[in-house]
Amino acid sequence: MPPSTPFLPPKATNHPLRHHLGRRFTALLCATCLTAVAAPMVRAQSALLESVKQNPALAQSLCQQFRQLNAQGVSATAKASISSLASSRGLSPMDAEVLATYVIGLHCSTVF
């Protein structure tokens, strides 16, 4: 029988409460870790979106760029477009995708 981990109950247990508590502990541990990892990303995205909200000229500039892409038959949310936006703005690809989606949704809904 392999040794059990210190945080989880052994697999073969006759006590249902012990098994239930082990599962709840594992779920709580996973949720805590995900929150610790995701919290900085959410704050960064929130600041990014707030900067666009406070600067409508930036949003309109991005809309113009997206319209130019559309005129060339390229989607503003295509991988290449997002990569270009990320590199030009010094953003991660994920932040660039969030930014593009936010700007398109609020400022230029006719862009694809």
PDB file of N, CA and C in Angstrom:
ATOM      1  N   MET A   1       0.854  -1.176   0.000  1.00  0.00           N
ATOM      2  CA  MET A   1       0.000   0.000   0.000  1.00  0.00           C
ATOM      3  C   MET A   1       0.896   1.234   0.000  1.00  0.00           C
ATOM      4  N   PRO A   2       0.693   2.174  -0.958  1.00  0.00           N
ATOM      5  CA  PRO A   2       1.523   3.382  -0.999  1.00  0.00           C
ATOM      6  C   PRO A   2       1.199   4.281   0.194  1.00  0.00           C
ATOM      7  N   PRO A   3       2.185   5.032   0.640  1.00  0.00           N
ATOM      8  CA  PRO A   3       1.925   5.915   1.781  1.00  0.00           C
ATOM      9  C   PRO A   3       0.962   7.028   1.368  1.00  0.00           C
ATOM     10  N   SER A   4       0.116   7.421   2.313  1.00  0.00           N
ATOM     11  CA  SER A   4      -0.835   8.500   2.019  1.00  0.00           C
ATOM     12  C   SER A   4      -0.155   9.843   2.211  1.00  0.00           C
ATOM     13  N   THR A   5      -0.680  10.863   1.560  1.00  0.00           N
ATOM     14  CA  THR A   5      -0.122  12.197   1.731  1.00  0.00           C
ATOM     15  C   THR A   5      -0.525  12.725   3.101  1.00  0.00           C
ATOM     16  N   PRO A   6       0.232  13.663   3.645  1.00  0.00           N
ATOM     17  CA  PRO A   6      -0.089  14.144   4.986  1.00  0.00           C
ATOM     18  C   PRO A   6      -1.395  14.932   5.052  1.00  0.00           C
ATOM     19  N   PHE A   7      -1.891  15.434   3.920  1.00  0.00           N
ATOM     20  CA  PHE A   7      -3.089  16.266   3.947  1.00  0.00           C
ATOM     21  C   PHE A   7      -4.367  15.506   3.643  1.00  0.00           C
ATOM     22  N   LEU A   8      -4.260  14.326   3.089  1.00  0.00           N
ATOM     23  CA  LEU A   8      -5.447  13.583   2.699  1.00  0.00           C
ATOM     24  C   LEU A   8      -5.573  12.310   3.528  1.00  0.00           C
ATOM     25  N   PRO A   9      -6.786  11.882   3.778  1.00  0.00           N
ATOM     26  CA  PRO A   9      -6.954  10.625   4.508  1.00  0.00           C
ATOM     27  C   PRO A   9      -6.563   9.460   3.612  1.00  0.00           C
ATOM     28  N   PRO A  10      -6.223   8.334   4.213  1.00  0.00           N
ATOM     29  CA  PRO A  10      -5.909   7.165   3.391  1.00  0.00           C
ATOM     30  C   PRO A  10      -7.102   6.807   2.514  1.00  0.00           C
ATOM     31  N   LYS A  11      -6.824   6.205   1.370  1.00  0.00           N
ATOM     32  CA  LYS A  11      -7.895   5.861   0.440  1.00  0.00           C
ATOM     33  C   LYS A  11      -8.845   4.826   1.029  1.00  0.00           C
ATOM     34  N   ALA A  12      -8.327   3.865   1.723  1.00  0.00           N
ATOM     35  CA  ALA A  12      -9.169   2.827   2.303  1.00  0.00           C
ATOM     36  C   ALA A  12      -9.525   3.226   3.728  1.00  0.00           C
ATOM     37  N   THR A  13     -10.671   3.853   3.876  1.00  0.00           N
ATOM     38  CA  THR A  13     -11.126   4.233   5.207  1.00  0.00           C
ATOM     39  C   THR A  13     -12.569   3.780   5.376  1.00  0.00           C
ATOM     40  N   ASN A  14     -12.884   3.354   6.551  1.00  0.00           N
ATOM     41  CA  ASN A  14     -14.235   2.893   6.825  1.00  0.00           C
ATOM     42  C   ASN A  14     -15.097   4.011   7.401  1.00  0.00           C
ATOM     43  N   HIS A  15     -14.508   5.157   7.638  1.00  0.00           N
ATOM     44  CA  HIS A  15     -15.243   6.238   8.273  1.00  0.00           C
ATOM     45  C   HIS A  15     -15.635   7.270   7.222  1.00  0.00           C
ATOM     46  N   PRO A  16     -16.946   7.384   6.877  1.00  0.00           N
ATOM     47  CA  PRO A  16     -17.356   8.296   5.803  1.00  0.00           C
ATOM     48  C   PRO A  16     -17.080   9.758   6.123  1.00  0.00           C
ATOM     49  N   LEU A  17     -17.146  10.155   7.391  1.00  0.00           N
ATOM     50  CA  LEU A  17     -16.896  11.546   7.743  1.00  0.00           C
ATOM     51  C   LEU A  17     -15.448  11.915   7.457  1.00  0.00           C
ATOM     52  N   ARG A  18     -14.540  11.013   7.738  1.00  0.00           N
ATOM     53  CA  ARG A  18     -13.124  11.280   7.489  1.00  0.00           C
ATOM     54  C   ARG A  18     -12.880  11.486   5.993  1.00  0.00           C
ATOM     55  N   HIS A  19     -13.511  10.665   5.181  1.00  0.00           N
ATOM     56  CA  HIS A  19     -13.362  10.793   3.737  1.00  0.00           C
ATOM     57  C   HIS A  19     -13.952  12.125   3.264  1.00  0.00           C
ATOM     58  N   HIS A  20     -15.115  12.484   3.784  1.00  0.00           N
ATOM     59  CA  HIS A  20     -15.774  13.735   3.411  1.00  0.00           C
ATOM     60  C   HIS A  20     -14.918  14.939   3.797  1.00  0.00           C
ATOM     61  N   LEU A  21     -14.354  14.942   4.983  1.00  0.00           N
ATOM     62  CA  LEU A  21     -13.515  16.046   5.429  1.00  0.00           C
ATOM     63  C   LEU A  21     -12.250  16.160   4.581  1.00  0.00           C
ATOM     64  N   GLY A  22     -11.706  15.025   4.180  1.00  0.00           N
ATOM     65  CA  GLY A  22     -10.527  15.034   3.322  1.00  0.00           C
ATOM     66  C   GLY A  22     -10.823  15.688   1.984  1.00  0.00           C
ATOM     67  N   ARG A  23     -11.976  15.390   1.424  1.00  0.00           N
ATOM     68  CA  ARG A  23     -12.372  16.003   0.155  1.00  0.00           C
ATOM     69  C   ARG A  23     -12.614  17.497   0.313  1.00  0.00           C
ATOM     70  N   ARG A  24     -13.264  17.871   1.389  1.00  0.00           N
ATOM     71  CA  ARG A  24     -13.539  19.295   1.619  1.00  0.00           C
ATOM     72  C   ARG A  24     -12.230  20.057   1.821  1.00  0.00           C
ATOM     73  N   PHE A  25     -11.298  19.435   2.549  1.00  0.00           N
ATOM     74  CA  PHE A  25     -10.006  20.083   2.772  1.00  0.00           C
ATOM     75  C   PHE A  25      -9.274  20.274   1.454  1.00  0.00           C
ATOM     76  N   THR A  26      -9.303  19.261   0.615  1.00  0.00           N
ATOM     77  CA  THR A  26      -8.648  19.341  -0.690  1.00  0.00           C
ATOM     78  C   THR A  26      -9.279  20.445  -1.532  1.00  0.00           C
ATOM     79  N   ALA A  27     -10.604  20.524  -1.531  1.00  0.00           N
ATOM     80  CA  ALA A  27     -11.290  21.569  -2.294  1.00  0.00           C
ATOM     81  C   ALA A  27     -10.935  22.953  -1.751  1.00  0.00           C
ATOM     82  N   LEU A  28     -10.888  23.081  -0.437  1.00  0.00           N
ATOM     83  CA  LEU A  28     -10.544  24.364   0.179  1.00  0.00           C
ATOM     84  C   LEU A  28      -9.111  24.753  -0.154  1.00  0.00           C
ATOM     85  N   LEU A  29      -8.206  23.798  -0.109  1.00  0.00           N
ATOM     86  CA  LEU A  29      -6.812  24.060  -0.437  1.00  0.00           C
ATOM     87  C   LEU A  29      -6.675  24.509  -1.886  1.00  0.00           C
ATOM     88  N   CYS A  30      -7.371  23.845  -2.791  1.00  0.00           N
ATOM     89  CA  CYS A  30      -7.324  24.229  -4.212  1.00  0.00           C
ATOM     90  C   CYS A  30      -7.901  25.630  -4.419  1.00  0.00           C
ATOM     91  N   ALA A  31      -9.013  25.924  -3.774  1.00  0.00           N
ATOM     92  CA  ALA A  31      -9.633  27.242  -3.912  1.00  0.00           C
ATOM     93  C   ALA A  31      -8.715  28.336  -3.379  1.00  0.00           C
ATOM     94  N   THR A  32      -8.044  28.068  -2.265  1.00  0.00           N
ATOM     95  CA  THR A  32      -7.129  29.044  -1.685  1.00  0.00           C
ATOM     96  C   THR A  32      -5.958  29.311  -2.620  1.00  0.00           C
ATOM     97  N   CYS A  33      -5.403  28.259  -3.185  1.00  0.00           N
ATOM     98  CA  CYS A  33      -4.274  28.414  -4.106  1.00  0.00           C
ATOM     99  C   CYS A  33      -4.688  29.174  -5.363  1.00  0.00           C
ATOM    100  N   LEU A  34      -5.848  28.846  -5.924  1.00  0.00           N
ATOM    101  CA  LEU A  34      -6.311  29.536  -7.119  1.00  0.00           C
ATOM    102  C   LEU A  34      -6.571  31.009  -6.841  1.00  0.00           C
ATOM    103  N   THR A  35      -7.116  31.310  -5.685  1.00  0.00           N
ATOM    104  CA  THR A  35      -7.365  32.708  -5.325  1.00  0.00           C
ATOM    105  C   THR A  35      -6.058  33.464  -5.199  1.00  0.00           C
ATOM    106  N   ALA A  36      -5.076  32.858  -4.582  1.00  0.00           N
ATOM    107  CA  ALA A  36      -3.777  33.520  -4.408  1.00  0.00           C
ATOM    108  C   ALA A  36      -3.099  33.780  -5.747  1.00  0.00           C
ATOM    109  N   VAL A  37      -3.286  32.880  -6.687  1.00  0.00           N
ATOM    110  CA  VAL A  37      -2.671  33.041  -8.006  1.00  0.00           C
ATOM    111  C   VAL A  37      -3.475  34.014  -8.866  1.00  0.00           C
ATOM    112  N   ALA A  38      -4.793  33.940  -8.805  1.00  0.00           N
ATOM    113  CA  ALA A  38      -5.646  34.742  -9.691  1.00  0.00           C
ATOM    114  C   ALA A  38      -5.809  36.187  -9.223  1.00  0.00           C
ATOM    115  N   ALA A  39      -5.696  36.453  -7.938  1.00  0.00           N
ATOM    116  CA  ALA A  39      -5.951  37.804  -7.419  1.00  0.00           C
ATOM    117  C   ALA A  39      -5.078  38.876  -8.077  1.00  0.00           C
ATOM    118  N   PRO A  40      -3.767  38.672  -8.227  1.00  0.00           N
ATOM    119  CA  PRO A  40      -2.969  39.710  -8.897  1.00  0.00           C
ATOM    120  C   PRO A  40      -3.382  39.929 -10.348  1.00  0.00           C
ATOM    121  N   MET A  41      -3.785  38.870 -11.046  1.00  0.00           N
ATOM    122  CA  MET A  41      -4.208  39.015 -12.440  1.00  0.00           C
ATOM    123  C   MET A  41      -5.492  39.834 -12.524  1.00  0.00           C
ATOM    124  N   VAL A  42      -6.409  39.592 -11.598  1.00  0.00           N
ATOM    125  CA  VAL A  42      -7.672  40.330 -11.603  1.00  0.00           C
ATOM    126  C   VAL A  42      -7.409  41.801 -11.319  1.00  0.00           C
ATOM    127  N   ARG A  43      -6.528  42.094 -10.366  1.00  0.00           N
ATOM    128  CA  ARG A  43      -6.201  43.495 -10.073  1.00  0.00           C
ATOM    129  C   ARG A  43      -5.555  44.166 -11.278  1.00  0.00           C
ATOM    130  N   ALA A  44      -4.662  43.469 -11.969  1.00  0.00           N
ATOM    131  CA  ALA A  44      -3.996  44.036 -13.144  1.00  0.00           C
ATOM    132  C   ALA A  44      -5.008  44.307 -14.249  1.00  0.00           C
ATOM    133  N   GLN A  45      -5.921  43.375 -14.483  1.00  0.00           N
ATOM    134  CA  GLN A  45      -6.931  43.573 -15.507  1.00  0.00           C
ATOM    135  C   GLN A  45      -7.867  44.708 -15.125  1.00  0.00           C
ATOM    136  N   SER A  46      -8.206  44.794 -13.849  1.00  0.00           N
ATOM    137  CA  SER A  46      -9.080  45.866 -13.396  1.00  0.00           C
ATOM    138  C   SER A  46      -8.432  47.226 -13.640  1.00  0.00           C
ATOM    139  N   ALA A  47      -7.148  47.359 -13.342  1.00  0.00           N
ATOM    140  CA  ALA A  47      -6.434  48.616 -13.574  1.00  0.00           C
ATOM    141  C   ALA A  47      -6.370  48.922 -15.063  1.00  0.00           C
ATOM    142  N   LEU A  48      -6.172  47.912 -15.876  1.00  0.00           N
ATOM    143  CA  LEU A  48      -6.114  48.087 -17.319  1.00  0.00           C
ATOM    144  C   LEU A  48      -7.450  48.602 -17.850  1.00  0.00           C
ATOM    145  N   LEU A  49      -8.535  47.989 -17.428  1.00  0.00           N
ATOM    146  CA  LEU A  49      -9.856  48.406 -17.886  1.00  0.00           C
ATOM    147  C   LEU A  49     -10.210  49.788 -17.356  1.00  0.00           C
ATOM    148  N   GLU A  50      -9.802  50.073 -16.149  1.00  0.00           N
ATOM    149  CA  GLU A  50     -10.054  51.393 -15.569  1.00  0.00           C
ATOM    150  C   GLU A  50      -9.314  52.470 -16.361  1.00  0.00           C
ATOM    151  N   SER A  51      -8.106  52.161 -16.826  1.00  0.00           N
ATOM    152  CA  SER A  51      -7.347  53.146 -17.605  1.00  0.00           C
ATOM    153  C   SER A  51      -8.064  53.480 -18.911  1.00  0.00           C
ATOM    154  N   VAL A  52      -8.701  52.502 -19.530  1.00  0.00           N
ATOM    155  CA  VAL A  52      -9.462  52.747 -20.763  1.00  0.00           C
ATOM    156  C   VAL A  52     -10.729  53.528 -20.439  1.00  0.00           C
ATOM    157  N   LYS A  53     -11.336  53.197 -19.316  1.00  0.00           N
ATOM    158  CA  LYS A  53     -12.555  53.903 -18.908  1.00  0.00           C
ATOM    159  C   LYS A  53     -12.270  55.386 -18.663  1.00  0.00           C
ATOM    160  N   GLN A  54     -11.122  55.670 -18.080  1.00  0.00           N
ATOM    161  CA  GLN A  54     -10.754  57.047 -17.764  1.00  0.00           C
ATOM    162  C   GLN A  54     -10.207  57.804 -18.977  1.00  0.00           C
ATOM    163  N   ASN A  55      -9.872  57.074 -20.038  1.00  0.00           N
ATOM    164  CA  ASN A  55      -9.275  57.700 -21.217  1.00  0.00           C
ATOM    165  C   ASN A  55     -10.035  57.269 -22.481  1.00  0.00           C
ATOM    166  N   PRO A  56     -11.176  57.890 -22.753  1.00  0.00           N
ATOM    167  CA  PRO A  56     -11.963  57.495 -23.923  1.00  0.00           C
ATOM    168  C   PRO A  56     -11.211  57.664 -25.241  1.00  0.00           C
ATOM    169  N   ALA A  57     -10.248  58.582 -25.272  1.00  0.00           N
ATOM    170  CA  ALA A  57      -9.462  58.773 -26.501  1.00  0.00           C
ATOM    171  C   ALA A  57      -8.662  57.510 -26.822  1.00  0.00           C
ATOM    172  N   LEU A  58      -8.174  56.849 -25.796  1.00  0.00           N
ATOM    173  CA  LEU A  58      -7.460  55.578 -25.997  1.00  0.00           C
ATOM    174  C   LEU A  58      -8.397  54.535 -26.585  1.00  0.00           C
ATOM    175  N   ALA A  59      -9.599  54.468 -26.040  1.00  0.00           N
ATOM    176  CA  ALA A  59     -10.583  53.508 -26.545  1.00  0.00           C
ATOM    177  C   ALA A  59     -10.900  53.793 -28.014  1.00  0.00           C
ATOM    178  N   GLN A  60     -11.086  55.062 -28.368  1.00  0.00           N
ATOM    179  CA  GLN A  60     -11.392  55.415 -29.756  1.00  0.00           C
ATOM    180  C   GLN A  60     -10.215  55.108 -30.684  1.00  0.00           C
ATOM    181  N   SER A  61      -9.006  55.314 -30.181  1.00  0.00           N
ATOM    182  CA  SER A  61      -7.817  54.982 -30.960  1.00  0.00           C
ATOM    183  C   SER A  61      -7.757  53.474 -31.238  1.00  0.00           C
ATOM    184  N   LEU A  62      -8.059  52.693 -30.229  1.00  0.00           N
ATOM    185  CA  LEU A  62      -8.076  51.238 -30.400  1.00  0.00           C
ATOM    186  C   LEU A  62      -9.184  50.827 -31.374  1.00  0.00           C
ATOM    187  N   CYS A  63     -10.343  51.478 -31.269  1.00  0.00           N
ATOM    188  CA  CYS A  63     -11.434  51.182 -32.202  1.00  0.00           C
ATOM    189  C   CYS A  63     -10.998  51.444 -33.641  1.00  0.00           C
ATOM    190  N   GLN A  64     -10.295  52.534 -33.838  1.00  0.00           N
ATOM    191  CA  GLN A  64      -9.809  52.861 -35.182  1.00  0.00           C
ATOM    192  C   GLN A  64      -8.850  51.781 -35.695  1.00  0.00           C
ATOM    193  N   GLN A  65      -7.960  51.327 -34.812  1.00  0.00           N
ATOM    194  CA  GLN A  65      -7.041  50.243 -35.199  1.00  0.00           C
ATOM    195  C   GLN A  65      -7.822  48.975 -35.547  1.00  0.00           C
ATOM    196  N   PHE A  66      -8.836  48.673 -34.751  1.00  0.00           N
ATOM    197  CA  PHE A  66      -9.639  47.476 -34.996  1.00  0.00           C
ATOM    198  C   PHE A  66     -10.412  47.592 -36.311  1.00  0.00           C
ATOM    199  N   ARG A  67     -10.919  48.780 -36.605  1.00  0.00           N
ATOM    200  CA  ARG A  67     -11.636  48.985 -37.865  1.00  0.00           C
ATOM    201  C   ARG A  67     -10.697  48.813 -39.071  1.00  0.00           C
ATOM    202  N   GLN A  68      -9.462  49.268 -38.925  1.00  0.00           N
ATOM    203  CA  GLN A  68      -8.480  49.092 -40.000  1.00  0.00           C
ATOM    204  C   GLN A  68      -8.203  47.610 -40.228  1.00  0.00           C
ATOM    205  N   LEU A  69      -8.105  46.863 -39.139  1.00  0.00           N
ATOM    206  CA  LEU A  69      -7.917  45.412 -39.274  1.00  0.00           C
ATOM    207  C   LEU A  69      -9.113  44.795 -39.989  1.00  0.00           C
ATOM    208  N   ASN A  70     -10.310  45.200 -39.590  1.00  0.00           N
ATOM    209  CA  ASN A  70     -11.522  44.669 -40.222  1.00  0.00           C
ATOM    210  C   ASN A  70     -11.557  44.991 -41.713  1.00  0.00           C
ATOM    211  N   ALA A  71     -11.120  46.196 -42.083  1.00  0.00           N
ATOM    212  CA  ALA A  71     -11.095  46.592 -43.498  1.00  0.00           C
ATOM    213  C   ALA A  71     -10.172  45.683 -44.311  1.00  0.00           C
ATOM    214  N   GLN A  72      -9.173  45.099 -43.628  1.00  0.00           N
ATOM    215  CA  GLN A  72      -8.247  44.178 -44.289  1.00  0.00           C
ATOM    216  C   GLN A  72      -8.740  42.732 -44.205  1.00  0.00           C
ATOM    217  N   GLY A  73      -9.927  42.551 -43.619  1.00  0.00           N
ATOM    218  CA  GLY A  73     -10.498  41.218 -43.477  1.00  0.00           C
ATOM    219  C   GLY A  73      -9.975  40.448 -42.287  1.00  0.00           C
ATOM    220  N   VAL A  74      -9.365  41.148 -41.342  1.00  0.00           N
ATOM    221  CA  VAL A  74      -8.777  40.509 -40.163  1.00  0.00           C
ATOM    222  C   VAL A  74      -9.630  40.842 -38.940  1.00  0.00           C
ATOM    223  N   SER A  75      -9.949  39.848 -38.165  1.00  0.00           N
ATOM    224  CA  SER A  75     -10.709  40.062 -36.935  1.00  0.00           C
ATOM    225  C   SER A  75      -9.829  40.726 -35.876  1.00  0.00           C
ATOM    226  N   ALA A  76     -10.412  41.637 -35.132  1.00  0.00           N
ATOM    227  CA  ALA A  76      -9.671  42.314 -34.059  1.00  0.00           C
ATOM    228  C   ALA A  76      -9.330  41.360 -32.920  1.00  0.00           C
ATOM    229  N   THR A  77     -10.042  40.253 -32.845  1.00  0.00           N
ATOM    230  CA  THR A  77      -9.775  39.295 -31.771  1.00  0.00           C
ATOM    231  C   THR A  77      -9.022  38.058 -32.256  1.00  0.00           C
ATOM    232  N   ALA A  78      -8.531  38.117 -33.496  1.00  0.00           N
ATOM    233  CA  ALA A  78      -7.719  37.010 -34.003  1.00  0.00           C
ATOM    234  C   ALA A  78      -6.410  36.942 -33.224  1.00  0.00           C
ATOM    235  N   LYS A  79      -5.825  35.785 -33.195  1.00  0.00           N
ATOM    236  CA  LYS A  79      -4.599  35.586 -32.421  1.00  0.00           C
ATOM    237  C   LYS A  79      -3.496  36.568 -32.828  1.00  0.00           C
ATOM    238  N   ALA A  80      -3.328  36.774 -34.122  1.00  0.00           N
ATOM    239  CA  ALA A  80      -2.290  37.695 -34.601  1.00  0.00           C
ATOM    240  C   ALA A  80      -2.594  39.129 -34.163  1.00  0.00           C
ATOM    241  N   SER A  81      -3.867  39.514 -34.190  1.00  0.00           N
ATOM    242  CA  SER A  81      -4.254  40.860 -33.769  1.00  0.00           C
ATOM    243  C   SER A  81      -3.992  41.062 -32.281  1.00  0.00           C
ATOM    244  N   ILE A  82      -4.335  40.071 -31.511  1.00  0.00           N
ATOM    245  CA  ILE A  82      -4.124  40.148 -30.056  1.00  0.00           C
ATOM    246  C   ILE A  82      -2.634  40.191 -29.750  1.00  0.00           C
ATOM    247  N   SER A  83      -1.849  39.394 -30.454  1.00  0.00           N
ATOM    248  CA  SER A  83      -0.394  39.409 -30.250  1.00  0.00           C
ATOM    249  C   SER A  83       0.195  40.773 -30.576  1.00  0.00           C
ATOM    250  N   SER A  84      -0.281  41.372 -31.663  1.00  0.00           N
ATOM    251  CA  SER A  84       0.191  42.701 -32.052  1.00  0.00           C
ATOM    252  C   SER A  84      -0.192  43.741 -31.001  1.00  0.00           C
ATOM    253  N   LEU A  85      -1.426  43.678 -30.525  1.00  0.00           N
ATOM    254  CA  LEU A  85      -1.879  44.604 -29.483  1.00  0.00           C
ATOM    255  C   LEU A  85      -1.050  44.428 -28.212  1.00  0.00           C
ATOM    256  N   ALA A  86      -0.797  43.185 -27.854  1.00  0.00           N
ATOM    257  CA  ALA A  86      -0.005  42.901 -26.650  1.00  0.00           C
ATOM    258  C   ALA A  86       1.395  43.489 -26.755  1.00  0.00           C
ATOM    259  N   SER A  87       2.044  43.279 -27.895  1.00  0.00           N
ATOM    260  CA  SER A  87       3.415  43.781 -28.027  1.00  0.00           C
ATOM    261  C   SER A  87       3.459  45.302 -28.120  1.00  0.00           C
ATOM    262  N   SER A  88       2.482  45.904 -28.784  1.00  0.00           N
ATOM    263  CA  SER A  88       2.494  47.365 -28.919  1.00  0.00           C
ATOM    264  C   SER A  88       2.166  48.072 -27.609  1.00  0.00           C
ATOM    265  N   ARG A  89       1.412  47.416 -26.745  1.00  0.00           N
ATOM    266  CA  ARG A  89       1.022  48.039 -25.472  1.00  0.00           C
ATOM    267  C   ARG A  89       1.795  47.490 -24.274  1.00  0.00           C
ATOM    268  N   GLY A  90       2.688  46.535 -24.511  1.00  0.00           N
ATOM    269  CA  GLY A  90       3.452  45.950 -23.412  1.00  0.00           C
ATOM    270  C   GLY A  90       2.592  45.126 -22.473  1.00  0.00           C
ATOM    271  N   LEU A  91       1.643  44.379 -23.052  1.00  0.00           N
ATOM    272  CA  LEU A  91       0.710  43.578 -22.263  1.00  0.00           C
ATOM    273  C   LEU A  91       0.954  42.095 -22.495  1.00  0.00           C
ATOM    274  N   SER A  92       0.445  41.305 -21.595  1.00  0.00           N
ATOM    275  CA  SER A  92       0.441  39.866 -21.827  1.00  0.00           C
ATOM    276  C   SER A  92      -0.657  39.580 -22.855  1.00  0.00           C
ATOM    277  N   PRO A  93      -0.570  38.473 -23.569  1.00  0.00           N
ATOM    278  CA  PRO A  93      -1.634  38.145 -24.528  1.00  0.00           C
ATOM    279  C   PRO A  93      -3.016  38.084 -23.870  1.00  0.00           C
ATOM    280  N   MET A  94      -3.078  37.563 -22.651  1.00  0.00           N
ATOM    281  CA  MET A  94      -4.362  37.473 -21.964  1.00  0.00           C
ATOM    282  C   MET A  94      -4.916  38.866 -21.651  1.00  0.00           C
ATOM    283  N   ASP A  95      -4.059  39.769 -21.175  1.00  0.00           N
ATOM    284  CA  ASP A  95      -4.508  41.130 -20.896  1.00  0.00           C
ATOM    285  C   ASP A  95      -4.918  41.850 -22.177  1.00  0.00           C
ATOM    286  N   ALA A  96      -4.192  41.612 -23.253  1.00  0.00           N
ATOM    287  CA  ALA A  96      -4.534  42.233 -24.534  1.00  0.00           C
ATOM    288  C   ALA A  96      -5.892  41.738 -25.026  1.00  0.00           C
ATOM    289  N   GLU A  97      -6.166  40.464 -24.833  1.00  0.00           N
ATOM    290  CA  GLU A  97      -7.455  39.912 -25.242  1.00  0.00           C
ATOM    291  C   GLU A  97      -8.589  40.509 -24.406  1.00  0.00           C
ATOM    292  N   VAL A  98      -8.364  40.650 -23.108  1.00  0.00           N
ATOM    293  CA  VAL A  98      -9.367  41.262 -22.229  1.00  0.00           C
ATOM    294  C   VAL A  98      -9.601  42.712 -22.648  1.00  0.00           C
ATOM    295  N   LEU A  99      -8.524  43.423 -22.902  1.00  0.00           N
ATOM    296  CA  LEU A  99      -8.625  44.828 -23.318  1.00  0.00           C
ATOM    297  C   LEU A  99      -9.412  44.952 -24.623  1.00  0.00           C
ATOM    298  N   ALA A 100      -9.069  44.163 -25.613  1.00  0.00           N
ATOM    299  CA  ALA A 100      -9.755  44.220 -26.911  1.00  0.00           C
ATOM    300  C   ALA A 100     -11.242  43.913 -26.749  1.00  0.00           C
ATOM    301  N   THR A 101     -11.560  42.894 -26.001  1.00  0.00           N
ATOM    302  CA  THR A 101     -12.960  42.515 -25.791  1.00  0.00           C
ATOM    303  C   THR A 101     -13.724  43.635 -25.092  1.00  0.00           C
ATOM    304  N   TYR A 102     -13.113  44.219 -24.096  1.00  0.00           N
ATOM    305  CA  TYR A 102     -13.731  45.305 -23.336  1.00  0.00           C
ATOM    306  C   TYR A 102     -13.974  46.518 -24.238  1.00  0.00           C
ATOM    307  N   VAL A 103     -12.959  46.925 -24.975  1.00  0.00           N
ATOM    308  CA  VAL A 103     -13.077  48.100 -25.838  1.00  0.00           C
ATOM    309  C   VAL A 103     -14.112  47.866 -26.934  1.00  0.00           C
ATOM    310  N   ILE A 104     -14.072  46.713 -27.554  1.00  0.00           N
ATOM    311  CA  ILE A 104     -15.035  46.406 -28.607  1.00  0.00           C
ATOM    312  C   ILE A 104     -16.454  46.407 -28.049  1.00  0.00           C
ATOM    313  N   GLY A 105     -16.626  45.784 -26.912  1.00  0.00           N
ATOM    314  CA  GLY A 105     -17.961  45.701 -26.322  1.00  0.00           C
ATOM    315  C   GLY A 105     -18.540  47.042 -25.926  1.00  0.00           C
ATOM    316  N   LEU A 106     -17.724  47.946 -25.445  1.00  0.00           N
ATOM    317  CA  LEU A 106     -18.234  49.220 -24.948  1.00  0.00           C
ATOM    318  C   LEU A 106     -18.133  50.376 -25.936  1.00  0.00           C
ATOM    319  N   HIS A 107     -17.159  50.327 -26.842  1.00  0.00           N
ATOM    320  CA  HIS A 107     -16.901  51.514 -27.658  1.00  0.00           C
ATOM    321  C   HIS A 107     -17.051  51.298 -29.155  1.00  0.00           C
ATOM    322  N   CYS A 108     -16.923  50.084 -29.620  1.00  0.00           N
ATOM    323  CA  CYS A 108     -17.013  49.870 -31.071  1.00  0.00           C
ATOM    324  C   CYS A 108     -17.628  48.505 -31.349  1.00  0.00           C
ATOM    325  N   SER A 109     -18.896  48.389 -31.060  1.00  0.00           N
ATOM    326  CA  SER A 109     -19.584  47.102 -31.147  1.00  0.00           C
ATOM    327  C   SER A 109     -19.729  46.576 -32.579  1.00  0.00           C
ATOM    328  N   THR A 110     -19.508  47.426 -33.595  1.00  0.00           N
ATOM    329  CA  THR A 110     -19.602  46.944 -34.973  1.00  0.00           C
ATOM    330  C   THR A 110     -18.326  46.252 -35.447  1.00  0.00           C
ATOM    331  N   VAL A 111     -17.271  46.359 -34.641  1.00  0.00           N
ATOM    332  CA  VAL A 111     -16.008  45.703 -34.991  1.00  0.00           C
ATOM    333  C   VAL A 111     -16.153  44.202 -34.757  1.00  0.00           C
ATOM    334  N   PHE A 112     -15.524  43.430 -35.634  1.00  0.00           N
ATOM    335  CA  PHE A 112     -15.530  41.979 -35.428  1.00  0.00           C
ATOM    336  C   PHE A 112     -14.154  41.465 -35.159  1.00  0.00           C
TER     337      PHE A 112
END
